[in-house]
N, C-alpha and C. Protein backbone atom coordinates (compact mmCIF):
# COMPACT_ATOMS: atom_id res chain seq x y z
N MET A 1 0.71 -1.08 -0.38
CA MET A 1 0.16 0.01 -0.19
C MET A 1 0.74 1.28 -0.01
N LYS A 2 0.59 1.96 -0.98
CA LYS A 2 1.52 3.53 -1.14
C LYS A 2 0.82 4.60 -0.41
N VAL A 3 1.37 5.12 0.92
CA VAL A 3 0.85 6.16 1.09
C VAL A 3 1.56 7.46 1.29
N VAL A 4 1.19 8.62 2.07
CA VAL A 4 2.25 10.06 1.83
C VAL A 4 2.37 10.25 3.23
N PRO A 5 2.92 10.09 4.05
CA PRO A 5 3.09 10.70 5.62
C PRO A 5 2.49 12.22 5.85
N VAL A 6 1.93 12.82 6.76
CA VAL A 6 1.62 13.67 6.70
C VAL A 6 2.01 13.94 7.94
N GLU A 7 1.95 16.10 7.49
CA GLU A 7 2.45 16.21 8.95
C GLU A 7 0.72 16.48 10.30
N HIS A 8 1.60 16.43 11.52
CA HIS A 8 0.73 16.46 12.32
C HIS A 8 -0.72 17.32 12.08
N LYS A 9 -0.74 18.67 11.88
CA LYS A 9 -1.69 19.75 11.37
C LYS A 9 -2.77 18.99 10.79
N SER A 10 -4.35 18.55 10.96
CA SER A 10 -4.53 18.40 9.90
C SER A 10 -4.54 17.13 9.22
N ALA A 11 -3.66 15.90 10.21
CA ALA A 11 -3.71 15.47 9.57
C ALA A 11 -4.65 14.42 9.25
N ALA A 12 -6.11 14.20 10.30
CA ALA A 12 -6.63 13.04 10.30
C ALA A 12 -7.14 13.39 8.74
N GLU A 13 -7.52 14.86 8.99
CA GLU A 13 -8.49 15.24 7.03
C GLU A 13 -7.08 14.57 5.97
N HIS A 14 -5.87 14.96 6.37
CA HIS A 14 -5.31 14.15 5.22
C HIS A 14 -5.46 12.14 4.62
N VAL A 15 -5.26 11.77 5.90
CA VAL A 15 -5.29 10.56 5.99
C VAL A 15 -6.70 10.42 6.16
N ARG A 16 -7.90 10.47 5.81
CA ARG A 16 -9.10 10.68 5.05
C ARG A 16 -9.82 10.43 4.28
N SER A 17 -8.42 11.61 3.58
CA SER A 17 -9.13 12.05 1.75
C SER A 17 -8.23 10.79 1.41
N GLN A 18 -7.15 10.45 1.62
CA GLN A 18 -5.92 9.32 1.01
C GLN A 18 -6.65 7.78 1.33
N LEU A 19 -7.22 7.44 2.52
CA LEU A 19 -8.00 6.32 2.83
C LEU A 19 -8.92 6.19 1.36
N ILE A 20 -10.40 7.59 1.32
CA ILE A 20 -10.81 7.49 0.85
C ILE A 20 -10.55 7.17 -1.31
N GLU A 21 -9.62 7.94 -1.42
CA GLU A 21 -8.82 7.53 -2.66
C GLU A 21 -8.31 6.42 -2.90
N LEU A 22 -8.40 5.75 -2.03
CA LEU A 22 -8.05 4.43 -2.01
C LEU A 22 -8.41 3.26 -1.90
N ILE A 23 -9.96 3.37 -1.34
CA ILE A 23 -10.74 2.81 -1.60
C ILE A 23 -11.65 2.73 -2.74
N GLU A 24 -11.90 4.38 -3.71
CA GLU A 24 -12.91 4.42 -4.58
C GLU A 24 -11.81 4.08 -5.66
N SER A 25 -10.42 3.94 -5.82
CA SER A 25 -9.73 3.63 -6.49
C SER A 25 -9.77 2.00 -6.56
N ARG A 26 -10.39 1.07 -5.64
CA ARG A 26 -10.55 -0.56 -5.83
C ARG A 26 -9.17 -0.72 -4.74
N HIS A 27 -8.23 -0.03 -4.48
CA HIS A 27 -7.28 -0.73 -3.62
C HIS A 27 -7.75 -1.46 -2.48
N PHE A 28 -8.59 -1.32 -1.85
CA PHE A 28 -9.24 -1.89 -1.21
C PHE A 28 -10.67 -2.10 -2.05
N ALA A 29 -10.91 -3.26 -1.62
CA ALA A 29 -12.47 -3.71 -2.39
C ALA A 29 -13.73 -3.72 -1.04
N VAL A 30 -15.11 -3.64 -1.51
CA VAL A 30 -15.64 -4.45 -0.56
C VAL A 30 -15.39 -5.35 0.16
N ASP A 31 -16.28 -5.51 1.13
CA ASP A 31 -15.09 -6.45 2.13
C ASP A 31 -14.04 -6.48 2.69
N ASP A 32 -13.30 -6.05 2.03
CA ASP A 32 -11.73 -6.31 2.54
C ASP A 32 -11.51 -5.60 3.82
N ARG A 33 -10.73 -6.03 4.72
CA ARG A 33 -10.46 -5.51 6.09
C ARG A 33 -9.14 -4.64 5.85
N LEU A 34 -9.44 -3.38 6.36
CA LEU A 34 -8.08 -2.52 6.33
C LEU A 34 -7.23 -2.95 7.12
N PRO A 35 -5.71 -2.40 7.16
CA PRO A 35 -4.96 -2.67 7.85
C PRO A 35 -5.22 -2.18 9.72
N SER A 36 -4.81 -2.35 10.66
CA SER A 36 -4.84 -2.11 11.85
C SER A 36 -4.38 -0.68 11.84
N GLU A 37 -5.47 -0.44 12.87
CA GLU A 37 -4.79 0.89 12.89
C GLU A 37 -2.91 1.08 13.78
N ALA A 38 -2.49 0.11 14.67
CA ALA A 38 -1.52 0.69 14.66
C ALA A 38 -0.45 0.69 12.85
N ASP A 39 -0.85 -0.52 12.16
CA ASP A 39 -0.11 -0.41 10.94
C ASP A 39 -0.15 0.83 10.26
N LEU A 40 -1.60 1.52 10.34
CA LEU A 40 -1.88 2.84 9.54
C LEU A 40 -1.14 3.72 10.19
N ALA A 41 -1.18 3.90 11.47
CA ALA A 41 -0.55 4.84 12.13
C ALA A 41 1.04 4.98 11.55
N GLN A 42 1.72 3.78 11.20
CA GLN A 42 2.94 3.68 11.18
C GLN A 42 3.55 3.74 9.57
N SER A 43 2.57 3.40 9.03
CA SER A 43 2.08 4.03 7.47
C SER A 43 2.35 5.21 7.14
N PHE A 44 1.43 5.91 7.54
CA PHE A 44 0.93 6.92 7.63
C PHE A 44 2.04 8.24 8.33
N GLY A 45 2.52 8.05 9.51
CA GLY A 45 3.46 8.48 10.49
C GLY A 45 2.86 9.28 11.37
N VAL A 46 1.51 8.90 11.76
CA VAL A 46 1.00 9.70 12.49
C VAL A 46 0.76 8.37 13.77
N SER A 47 -0.06 9.53 14.68
CA SER A 47 -0.46 8.72 16.22
C SER A 47 -2.03 7.95 15.51
N ARG A 48 -2.02 7.28 16.90
CA ARG A 48 -3.00 5.86 16.59
C ARG A 48 -4.58 6.86 16.69
N SER A 49 -4.44 7.99 17.02
CA SER A 49 -5.87 8.70 17.44
C SER A 49 -6.06 9.27 16.43
N VAL A 50 -5.16 9.64 15.60
CA VAL A 50 -5.22 10.66 14.03
C VAL A 50 -5.49 9.41 13.15
N ILE A 51 -5.22 8.14 13.28
CA ILE A 51 -5.85 7.36 12.39
C ILE A 51 -7.62 6.82 12.94
N ARG A 52 -7.79 6.54 14.15
CA ARG A 52 -8.39 6.68 14.74
C ARG A 52 -10.22 7.87 14.44
N GLU A 53 -9.54 8.63 14.47
CA GLU A 53 -10.38 10.35 14.35
C GLU A 53 -10.84 9.97 12.12
N ALA A 54 -10.14 9.51 11.76
CA ALA A 54 -9.92 8.88 9.85
C ALA A 54 -11.05 8.24 10.51
N LEU A 55 -10.87 6.61 10.50
CA LEU A 55 -12.01 5.77 10.28
C LEU A 55 -13.07 5.99 10.82
N HIS A 56 -13.66 7.65 12.01
CA HIS A 56 -14.90 7.46 11.98
C HIS A 56 -15.30 8.14 11.60
N SER A 57 -14.59 9.04 10.21
CA SER A 57 -15.12 9.42 9.48
C SER A 57 -15.67 8.65 8.31
N LEU A 58 -14.67 8.02 8.72
CA LEU A 58 -15.40 6.52 7.19
C LEU A 58 -16.47 6.04 7.28
N ASN A 59 -16.19 5.57 8.91
CA ASN A 59 -17.59 4.92 9.02
C ASN A 59 -19.09 5.59 9.18
N ALA A 60 -18.71 7.42 9.31
CA ALA A 60 -20.11 8.28 9.15
C ALA A 60 -20.54 8.38 7.78
N LEU A 61 -19.51 8.10 6.52
CA LEU A 61 -19.81 8.81 5.68
C LEU A 61 -20.28 7.20 4.52
N GLY A 62 -20.26 6.05 5.47
CA GLY A 62 -20.76 4.96 4.87
C GLY A 62 -19.90 4.00 4.12
N LEU A 63 -19.06 4.47 4.20
CA LEU A 63 -17.96 3.45 3.21
C LEU A 63 -17.07 2.77 4.25
N THR A 64 -16.69 2.63 5.43
CA THR A 64 -16.47 1.28 6.16
C THR A 64 -17.44 0.99 7.28
N LYS A 65 -17.02 -0.20 8.24
CA LYS A 65 -17.69 -0.77 8.88
C LYS A 65 -17.15 -0.95 10.11
N SER A 66 -16.80 -1.09 11.00
CA SER A 66 -16.05 -1.47 12.57
C SER A 66 -16.69 -2.20 13.34
N TYR A 67 -15.78 -3.38 13.55
CA TYR A 67 -16.62 -4.62 14.82
C TYR A 67 -15.30 -4.40 15.54
N ALA A 68 -15.85 -4.40 16.86
CA ALA A 68 -15.04 -4.44 17.82
C ALA A 68 -14.97 -5.70 18.33
N GLY A 69 -13.70 -5.95 18.22
CA GLY A 69 -12.05 -7.28 18.10
C GLY A 69 -12.24 -7.46 16.31
N LYS A 70 -12.37 -7.52 15.72
CA LYS A 70 -12.59 -7.78 14.35
C LYS A 70 -11.65 -6.59 13.29
N GLY A 71 -12.18 -5.24 13.46
CA GLY A 71 -11.03 -4.52 12.94
C GLY A 71 -12.26 -2.89 12.05
N THR A 72 -11.59 -2.80 10.49
CA THR A 72 -12.66 -2.18 9.92
C THR A 72 -12.66 -2.36 8.39
N PHE A 73 -13.61 -2.69 8.22
CA PHE A 73 -13.74 -3.60 6.35
C PHE A 73 -14.65 -2.76 5.65
N VAL A 74 -14.23 -2.69 4.56
CA VAL A 74 -14.74 -1.64 3.30
C VAL A 74 -16.53 -2.43 3.28
N ALA A 75 -17.03 -0.92 3.24
CA ALA A 75 -18.97 -1.47 3.09
C ALA A 75 -19.08 -0.46 1.49
N ALA A 76 -18.19 0.33 1.12
CA ALA A 76 -19.22 0.84 -0.48
C ALA A 76 -17.90 1.70 -0.94
N THR A 77 -17.95 1.64 -2.11
CA THR A 77 -16.82 2.07 -2.29
C THR A 77 -16.85 3.70 -3.09
N ARG A 78 -17.45 3.97 -3.01
CA ARG A 78 -18.20 5.87 -3.27
C ARG A 78 -18.73 6.27 -2.34
N VAL A 79 -18.36 7.72 -2.08
CA VAL A 79 -19.82 8.02 -1.01
C VAL A 79 -20.53 8.57 -1.73
N GLN A 80 -21.53 8.89 -1.30
CA GLN A 80 -23.13 9.24 -1.75
C GLN A 80 -23.99 9.82 -0.80
N SER A 81 -24.34 10.92 -1.54
CA SER A 81 -25.10 12.24 -1.02
C SER A 81 -25.78 11.96 0.28
N GLN A 82 -26.60 10.75 -0.42
CA GLN A 82 -28.07 9.94 0.29
C GLN A 82 -27.68 9.20 1.18
N LEU A 83 -26.39 9.04 0.97
CA LEU A 83 -26.16 7.77 2.10
C LEU A 83 -25.50 8.76 3.22
N LEU A 84 -24.43 9.82 3.05
CA LEU A 84 -24.17 10.98 3.69
C LEU A 84 -25.66 11.43 4.72
N ILE A 85 -26.66 11.96 4.45
CA ILE A 85 -27.43 12.69 5.06
C ILE A 85 -28.75 11.75 5.41
N GLY A 86 -29.11 10.80 4.90
CA GLY A 86 -30.36 9.92 4.18
C GLY A 86 -30.72 10.31 3.20
N ARG A 87 -32.22 10.58 3.17
CA ARG A 87 -33.12 11.24 1.84
C ARG A 87 -32.75 12.32 1.72
N TYR A 88 -32.22 13.57 2.21
CA TYR A 88 -31.97 14.81 2.49
C TYR A 88 -30.50 15.59 2.10
N LEU A 89 -29.84 16.46 1.06
CA LEU A 89 -29.16 17.01 0.86
C LEU A 89 -29.20 18.30 1.93
N PRO A 90 -27.38 18.65 1.86
CA PRO A 90 -27.81 19.40 2.65
C PRO A 90 -27.85 20.58 2.69
N ALA A 91 -28.32 20.94 1.69
CA ALA A 91 -28.61 22.26 1.69
C ALA A 91 -30.37 22.59 1.65
N GLN A 92 -30.78 21.38 1.53
CA GLN A 92 -31.98 21.14 1.77
C GLN A 92 -32.56 21.87 3.36
N LEU A 93 -31.32 20.92 4.13
CA LEU A 93 -31.72 20.90 5.76
C LEU A 93 -31.19 22.24 6.14
N ASN A 94 -30.16 22.31 5.33
CA ASN A 94 -29.90 23.96 6.05
C ASN A 94 -31.30 25.23 5.83
N GLU A 95 -32.04 24.89 4.38
CA GLU A 95 -32.86 25.69 4.03
C GLU A 95 -34.12 25.91 5.21
N VAL A 96 -34.19 24.88 5.52
CA VAL A 96 -35.07 24.54 6.76
C VAL A 96 -34.75 24.87 7.84
N ARG A 97 -33.29 24.63 8.29
CA ARG A 97 -33.20 25.16 9.68
C ARG A 97 -32.69 26.66 9.49
N ARG A 98 -32.42 27.45 8.80
CA ARG A 98 -32.33 28.18 8.13
C ARG A 98 -33.59 29.38 8.66
N HIS A 99 -34.69 28.67 8.39
CA HIS A 99 -35.65 29.51 8.52
C HIS A 99 -36.56 29.46 9.65
N LEU A 100 -35.79 28.35 10.44
CA LEU A 100 -36.10 27.70 11.66
C LEU A 100 -35.47 28.21 12.51
N GLU A 101 -34.32 27.70 12.73
CA GLU A 101 -33.86 28.28 14.02
C GLU A 101 -32.99 29.63 14.22
N VAL A 102 -32.65 30.17 12.81
CA VAL A 102 -32.23 31.37 12.98
C VAL A 102 -33.38 32.50 13.64
N PRO A 103 -34.47 32.53 12.93
CA PRO A 103 -35.55 33.65 14.44
C PRO A 103 -35.79 32.39 15.94
N ALA A 104 -35.25 31.69 15.86
CA ALA A 104 -35.29 30.95 16.82
C ALA A 104 -34.17 31.77 18.43
N ALA A 105 -32.97 31.90 17.65
CA ALA A 105 -32.14 32.31 18.16
C ALA A 105 -32.07 34.03 17.96
N ARG A 106 -32.49 34.67 17.24
CA ARG A 106 -33.02 35.96 17.78
C ARG A 106 -34.25 36.28 18.82
N LEU A 107 -35.39 35.30 18.68
CA LEU A 107 -36.47 35.34 20.16
C LEU A 107 -35.92 34.93 21.22
N ALA A 108 -34.68 33.26 21.04
CA ALA A 108 -34.16 33.59 22.09
C ALA A 108 -33.34 34.78 23.12
N ALA A 109 -32.12 35.44 22.13
CA ALA A 109 -32.00 36.92 22.98
C ALA A 109 -32.78 37.92 23.43
N GLU A 110 -33.69 37.89 22.20
CA GLU A 110 -35.04 39.43 22.99
C GLU A 110 -35.94 38.64 24.40
N ARG A 111 -36.14 37.07 24.58
CA ARG A 111 -36.74 36.18 25.65
C ARG A 111 -36.33 35.42 26.60
N ARG A 112 -34.94 35.22 26.38
CA ARG A 112 -34.15 34.69 27.54
C ARG A 112 -34.30 34.80 28.88
N THR A 113 -34.47 33.60 29.67
CA THR A 113 -34.78 34.34 31.32
C THR A 113 -33.07 33.89 31.55
N GLN A 114 -33.22 33.90 33.01
CA GLN A 114 -31.82 33.37 33.77
C GLN A 114 -31.34 31.92 33.63
N GLU A 115 -32.68 31.67 33.80
CA GLU A 115 -32.32 29.92 33.83
C GLU A 115 -32.37 29.37 32.42
N ASP A 116 -32.67 30.19 31.60
CA ASP A 116 -32.40 29.36 29.95
C ASP A 116 -30.82 29.75 29.78
N ILE A 117 -30.58 31.12 30.39
CA ILE A 117 -28.70 31.63 30.35
C ILE A 117 -28.27 30.42 31.23
N ASP A 118 -28.69 30.06 32.31
CA ASP A 118 -27.70 29.07 32.83
C ASP A 118 -27.48 27.33 32.05
N GLY A 119 -29.08 26.96 31.47
CA GLY A 119 -28.58 25.72 30.93
C GLY A 119 -28.13 25.78 30.10
N LEU A 120 -28.18 26.97 29.41
CA LEU A 120 -27.59 26.85 27.75
C LEU A 120 -25.90 27.26 27.85
N ALA A 121 -25.66 27.60 29.21
CA ALA A 121 -24.21 27.81 29.55
C ALA A 121 -23.69 26.35 30.01
N ALA A 122 -24.35 25.24 30.28
CA ALA A 122 -23.56 24.70 31.05
C ALA A 122 -23.85 23.36 30.02
N LEU A 123 -24.51 23.55 28.79
CA LEU A 123 -24.36 22.49 27.51
C LEU A 123 -23.10 23.46 27.49
N VAL A 124 -22.66 24.37 26.53
CA VAL A 124 -21.79 24.55 26.37
C VAL A 124 -20.75 24.69 26.69
N GLU A 125 -20.59 24.41 28.17
CA GLU A 125 -19.67 23.53 28.76
C GLU A 125 -19.25 22.51 28.45
N GLU A 126 -20.13 21.93 28.78
CA GLU A 126 -20.14 20.09 28.91
C GLU A 126 -19.79 19.93 26.97
N PHE A 127 -20.09 20.37 26.13
CA PHE A 127 -19.73 20.34 24.82
C PHE A 127 -18.06 20.28 24.86
N ASP A 128 -18.01 21.59 25.10
CA ASP A 128 -15.72 21.83 24.54
C ASP A 128 -15.21 20.88 26.00
N LYS A 129 -15.88 20.44 26.53
CA LYS A 129 -15.26 19.14 27.54
C LYS A 129 -15.54 17.86 26.41
N SER A 130 -16.16 17.55 25.81
CA SER A 130 -16.67 15.99 24.90
C SER A 130 -15.68 15.83 24.32
N ASP A 131 -14.84 14.94 24.40
CA ASP A 131 -14.21 14.04 23.49
C ASP A 131 -14.46 13.02 22.53
N ASP A 132 -15.87 12.94 22.54
CA ASP A 132 -16.54 11.85 21.92
C ASP A 132 -17.48 12.39 20.85
N PRO A 133 -17.43 11.68 19.86
CA PRO A 133 -18.74 12.30 18.83
C PRO A 133 -20.37 12.03 19.32
N ALA A 134 -20.65 11.00 19.51
CA ALA A 134 -22.11 10.41 19.91
C ALA A 134 -22.44 11.33 20.84
N ASP A 135 -21.91 11.62 21.76
CA ASP A 135 -21.98 12.63 23.07
C ASP A 135 -22.31 13.69 22.66
N ARG A 136 -21.64 14.35 21.53
CA ARG A 136 -21.08 15.85 21.23
C ARG A 136 -22.56 16.08 20.54
N ILE A 137 -22.81 14.64 19.95
CA ILE A 137 -24.00 15.03 18.88
C ILE A 137 -25.39 15.07 19.81
N LYS A 138 -25.50 14.26 20.94
CA LYS A 138 -26.48 14.00 22.06
C LYS A 138 -26.58 15.88 22.59
N ILE A 139 -25.40 16.76 23.16
CA ILE A 139 -25.56 17.49 23.51
C ILE A 139 -25.53 18.67 22.42
N ASP A 140 -25.17 18.80 21.25
CA ASP A 140 -25.67 19.82 20.56
C ASP A 140 -26.81 19.71 20.42
N ALA A 141 -28.09 18.34 20.18
CA ALA A 141 -29.55 18.29 20.08
C ALA A 141 -29.99 19.24 20.94
N LEU A 142 -29.33 19.01 22.62
CA LEU A 142 -29.41 19.81 24.28
C LEU A 142 -29.82 21.21 23.57
N PHE A 143 -28.29 21.62 22.82
CA PHE A 143 -28.19 23.24 22.59
C PHE A 143 -29.12 24.13 21.80
N HIS A 144 -29.30 22.96 20.91
CA HIS A 144 -30.55 23.65 19.63
C HIS A 144 -32.00 23.63 20.36
N ILE A 145 -32.30 22.75 21.30
CA ILE A 145 -33.79 22.43 21.32
C ILE A 145 -33.82 23.83 22.50
N ALA A 146 -32.43 23.88 23.81
CA ALA A 146 -32.78 24.80 24.76
C ALA A 146 -32.83 26.43 24.17
N ILE A 147 -31.82 26.46 23.12
CA ILE A 147 -32.63 27.55 22.52
C ILE A 147 -33.63 28.01 22.12
N ALA A 148 -34.41 26.77 21.52
CA ALA A 148 -35.99 26.72 21.12
C ALA A 148 -36.50 27.25 22.15
N SER A 149 -36.78 26.61 23.03
CA SER A 149 -37.06 26.88 24.19
C SER A 149 -37.31 27.81 24.91
N ALA A 150 -35.41 28.56 24.89
CA ALA A 150 -35.69 30.00 25.14
C ALA A 150 -36.36 31.14 24.73
N THR A 151 -37.05 31.03 23.84
CA THR A 151 -38.17 31.65 22.48
C THR A 151 -39.24 31.57 23.31
N GLY A 152 -39.83 31.06 24.36
CA GLY A 152 -40.99 30.92 25.34
C GLY A 152 -42.08 29.95 24.97
N ASN A 153 -41.89 29.98 23.08
CA ASN A 153 -43.11 29.30 22.28
C ASN A 153 -42.92 27.54 22.26
N PRO A 154 -43.39 27.28 22.94
CA PRO A 154 -43.39 25.52 22.67
C PRO A 154 -43.69 25.16 21.05
N LEU A 155 -43.80 25.72 20.41
CA LEU A 155 -43.77 25.27 19.14
C LEU A 155 -42.49 24.95 18.44
N PHE A 156 -41.98 26.50 18.92
CA PHE A 156 -40.31 26.19 18.60
C PHE A 156 -39.76 24.71 19.05
N SER A 157 -40.05 24.80 20.12
CA SER A 157 -39.25 23.75 20.99
C SER A 157 -39.70 22.05 19.80
N ARG A 158 -40.66 21.88 19.98
CA ARG A 158 -41.46 20.91 19.50
C ARG A 158 -40.67 20.58 17.60
N LEU A 159 -40.76 21.71 17.06
CA LEU A 159 -40.09 21.39 15.59
C LEU A 159 -39.11 21.56 15.72
N VAL A 160 -37.89 21.47 16.77
CA VAL A 160 -36.72 21.73 16.48
C VAL A 160 -36.42 20.23 17.09
N GLU A 161 -36.96 19.84 18.22
CA GLU A 161 -36.88 18.66 18.18
C GLU A 161 -37.61 17.91 17.23
N ASP A 162 -38.00 17.58 17.18
CA ASP A 162 -38.55 17.33 15.89
C ASP A 162 -37.63 16.47 14.58
N LEU A 163 -36.64 17.91 14.40
CA LEU A 163 -36.17 18.20 13.15
C LEU A 163 -35.21 17.52 13.60
N ARG A 164 -34.52 17.25 14.89
CA ARG A 164 -33.08 16.78 15.50
C ARG A 164 -33.35 15.25 14.73
N ALA A 165 -34.28 14.66 14.79
CA ALA A 165 -34.02 13.04 14.71
C ALA A 165 -33.64 12.94 13.09
N VAL A 166 -34.36 14.05 12.31
CA VAL A 166 -33.63 13.84 10.45
C VAL A 166 -32.21 14.28 10.20
N LEU A 167 -32.13 14.29 11.48
CA LEU A 167 -30.45 15.23 11.19
C LEU A 167 -29.60 14.44 11.50
N GLN A 168 -29.79 13.51 12.70
CA GLN A 168 -28.87 12.64 12.91
C GLN A 168 -27.90 11.98 12.16
N ASP A 169 -28.64 11.38 10.85
CA ASP A 169 -26.99 11.10 10.31
C ASP A 169 -25.91 11.88 9.90
N GLN A 170 -27.03 13.54 9.29
CA GLN A 170 -25.48 14.49 9.09
C GLN A 170 -24.77 14.60 10.14
N ALA A 171 -25.42 14.71 11.42
CA ALA A 171 -24.85 15.13 12.62
C ALA A 171 -23.55 14.26 12.96
N LEU A 172 -23.94 13.15 12.74
CA LEU A 172 -22.79 12.05 12.77
C LEU A 172 -21.42 11.90 11.83
N ALA A 173 -22.33 12.61 10.54
CA ALA A 173 -20.95 13.22 9.65
C ALA A 173 -20.30 13.96 9.92
N VAL A 174 -20.72 15.31 10.08
CA VAL A 174 -20.02 16.23 10.44
C VAL A 174 -19.62 16.37 11.85
N SER A 175 -19.88 15.67 13.03
CA SER A 175 -19.38 15.59 14.53
C SER A 175 -17.94 14.79 13.99
N VAL A 176 -17.78 13.77 12.85
CA VAL A 176 -16.53 13.13 12.69
C VAL A 176 -15.46 14.05 11.74
N SER A 177 -15.85 14.49 11.22
CA SER A 177 -15.59 15.27 10.09
C SER A 177 -13.81 15.95 10.84
N PRO A 178 -13.03 15.66 10.60
CA PRO A 178 -11.71 16.30 11.21
C PRO A 178 -11.69 17.79 11.39
N GLY A 179 -11.39 18.45 12.74
CA GLY A 179 -11.33 20.07 12.51
C GLY A 179 -13.22 20.25 13.07
N ARG A 180 -13.84 19.81 12.91
CA ARG A 180 -15.19 20.14 12.93
C ARG A 180 -15.55 20.23 14.39
N ALA A 181 -15.07 19.61 15.25
CA ALA A 181 -15.40 19.68 16.55
C ALA A 181 -14.45 21.21 17.41
N ALA A 182 -13.42 21.47 17.09
CA ALA A 182 -13.48 22.69 17.55
C ALA A 182 -14.14 23.84 16.63
N GLN A 183 -14.39 23.95 15.56
CA GLN A 183 -15.20 25.05 14.95
C GLN A 183 -16.86 24.81 15.86
N ALA A 184 -17.24 23.86 15.91
CA ALA A 184 -18.42 24.12 16.48
C ALA A 184 -18.48 24.70 18.04
N ARG A 185 -17.49 24.34 18.57
CA ARG A 185 -17.41 24.54 19.99
C ARG A 185 -17.15 26.31 19.62
N ALA A 186 -16.75 26.74 19.46
CA ALA A 186 -16.61 27.94 19.06
C ALA A 186 -17.64 29.11 18.30
N GLU A 187 -18.60 28.45 17.42
CA GLU A 187 -19.96 28.81 17.31
C GLU A 187 -20.68 28.48 18.23
N HIS A 188 -21.03 27.77 18.85
CA HIS A 188 -22.12 27.45 19.77
C HIS A 188 -21.62 28.80 21.04
N ARG A 189 -20.25 28.64 21.18
CA ARG A 189 -20.37 29.66 22.35
C ARG A 189 -20.29 31.36 21.67
N ALA A 190 -20.24 31.17 20.62
CA ALA A 190 -20.55 33.15 19.95
C ALA A 190 -22.37 32.94 19.88
N ILE A 191 -23.47 32.19 19.82
CA ILE A 191 -24.81 31.78 19.64
C ILE A 191 -24.61 31.99 20.98
N PHE A 192 -24.41 31.25 21.62
CA PHE A 192 -24.42 31.30 23.74
C PHE A 192 -24.02 33.01 24.19
N GLU A 193 -23.27 33.57 24.11
CA GLU A 193 -22.77 34.38 24.21
C GLU A 193 -23.67 35.75 23.99
N ALA A 194 -24.23 35.87 22.50
CA ALA A 194 -25.08 36.82 21.81
C ALA A 194 -26.57 36.80 22.84
N ILE A 195 -27.14 35.53 22.59
CA ILE A 195 -28.47 35.27 23.63
C ILE A 195 -28.01 35.82 25.14
N ARG A 196 -26.77 35.21 25.60
CA ARG A 196 -26.53 35.67 26.98
C ARG A 196 -27.14 37.31 27.27
N ASP A 197 -26.32 38.08 26.01
CA ASP A 197 -26.08 39.05 26.30
C ASP A 197 -27.67 40.10 25.74
N GLY A 198 -28.58 39.26 25.15
CA GLY A 198 -29.32 39.85 24.54
C GLY A 198 -29.29 40.72 23.64
N ASP A 199 -28.48 40.17 22.69
CA ASP A 199 -27.95 40.83 21.50
C ASP A 199 -29.18 40.28 20.09
N ALA A 200 -29.84 40.42 19.59
CA ALA A 200 -30.61 39.65 18.96
C ALA A 200 -30.07 40.00 17.55
N GLU A 201 -28.87 40.66 17.12
CA GLU A 201 -28.75 40.65 15.69
C GLU A 201 -27.66 39.98 15.55
N MET A 202 -26.85 39.61 16.87
CA MET A 202 -25.45 39.24 16.50
C MET A 202 -26.30 37.60 17.02
N ALA A 203 -26.77 37.04 17.81
CA ALA A 203 -27.52 35.55 18.01
C ALA A 203 -28.25 35.38 16.26
N ASP A 204 -28.37 36.54 15.43
CA ASP A 204 -28.73 35.49 14.71
C ASP A 204 -27.97 35.41 13.49
N LEU A 205 -27.02 36.66 13.50
CA LEU A 205 -25.84 36.28 12.34
C LEU A 205 -24.92 34.68 13.44
N ALA A 206 -24.74 34.87 14.54
CA ALA A 206 -23.97 34.39 15.14
C ALA A 206 -24.50 32.28 14.80
N MET A 207 -25.92 32.36 14.50
CA MET A 207 -26.72 31.02 14.13
C MET A 207 -26.57 30.56 12.48
N ARG A 208 -26.50 32.01 11.69
CA ARG A 208 -26.39 31.78 10.05
C ARG A 208 -25.26 31.54 10.23
N ARG A 209 -23.83 31.73 10.29
CA ARG A 209 -22.49 31.35 10.37
C ARG A 209 -22.82 30.01 11.17
N HIS A 210 -23.14 29.79 11.88
CA HIS A 210 -23.37 27.88 12.33
C HIS A 210 -23.92 27.27 11.47
N LEU A 211 -24.93 27.39 10.80
CA LEU A 211 -25.71 26.44 10.04
C LEU A 211 -24.82 26.56 8.93
N ALA A 212 -24.12 27.79 8.05
CA ALA A 212 -23.63 27.75 7.16
C ALA A 212 -22.18 26.83 6.79
N ALA A 213 -21.71 26.79 8.34
CA ALA A 213 -20.15 26.43 8.34
C ALA A 213 -20.84 24.15 8.28
N VAL A 214 -21.88 24.25 8.91
CA VAL A 214 -22.78 22.98 8.91
C VAL A 214 -22.44 22.64 7.52
N VAL A 215 -23.62 22.87 6.48
CA VAL A 215 -23.94 22.62 5.26
C VAL A 215 -22.62 22.47 4.47
N ALA A 216 -21.70 23.81 4.75
CA ALA A 216 -20.39 23.67 3.96
C ALA A 216 -19.49 21.97 4.80
N THR A 217 -19.23 21.56 5.83
CA THR A 217 -18.76 20.49 5.97
C THR A 217 -19.59 19.30 5.23
N SER A 218 -20.68 19.57 5.45
CA SER A 218 -21.41 18.09 5.40
C SER A 218 -21.38 18.35 3.23
N THR A 219 -21.09 19.27 3.15
CA THR A 219 -21.18 19.13 1.31
C THR A 219 -19.56 18.46 0.87
N SER A 220 -18.42 19.36 1.64
CA SER A 220 -17.17 18.77 1.46
C SER A 220 -17.11 17.58 1.71
N LEU A 221 -17.69 16.10 2.78
CA LEU A 221 -17.08 15.15 2.82
C LEU A 221 -17.97 14.15 2.03
N THR A 222 -18.61 14.69 0.79
CA THR A 222 -19.16 13.67 -0.28
C THR A 222 -18.06 13.98 -1.06
N ASP A 223 -17.43 15.04 -1.37
CA ASP A 223 -16.02 15.87 -2.44
C ASP A 223 -15.01 14.71 -2.06
N GLY A 224 -14.53 14.21 -0.96
CA GLY A 224 -13.34 12.99 -0.81
C GLY A 224 -12.38 14.20 -0.94
């Protein structure tokens, strides 16, 4: 197997891209077992944690499946948009979220209570401390639902909560995308601070930026 060692910075992104290329070029066929984490780490010249992050991303894209004690196997040879986020394209999901969650953020900044602020602050801190993609997805959902709740209109909460079920595939793929966690932390904090400060304009802008980053990451994942 021919690979190109990479620098530590953005290493997982480079590893992911090269593994996708190896799979799409049929170097690894469907049902083939990928080399172990230790072997991949040695081949790429990176740590096993970097390899693990890249493999999480491949699993989320549907290209591979990992089995405890058995390893990671190729499940498909090409990334499909439908595979990535179910029946909906990133732009379609973003359009709905933009018209629901942006005004919710604005209203939350205008109507939030101290209890709302405290709850959002706790979720931001919890998200910052989490290194597990599955946990971050749960916390992210609670964060967006809490913003909707802070509007004081129960329909916002219900609609955002229902929307999260549709977003699960996208949320997993985005969550394990290399570098995305750090960006999401900063975006969440910006939204929270605007709501805490009662700045409706900034809450609107911060949520728009957050959603745009999500759809950009979702779209880029299908590019390999």
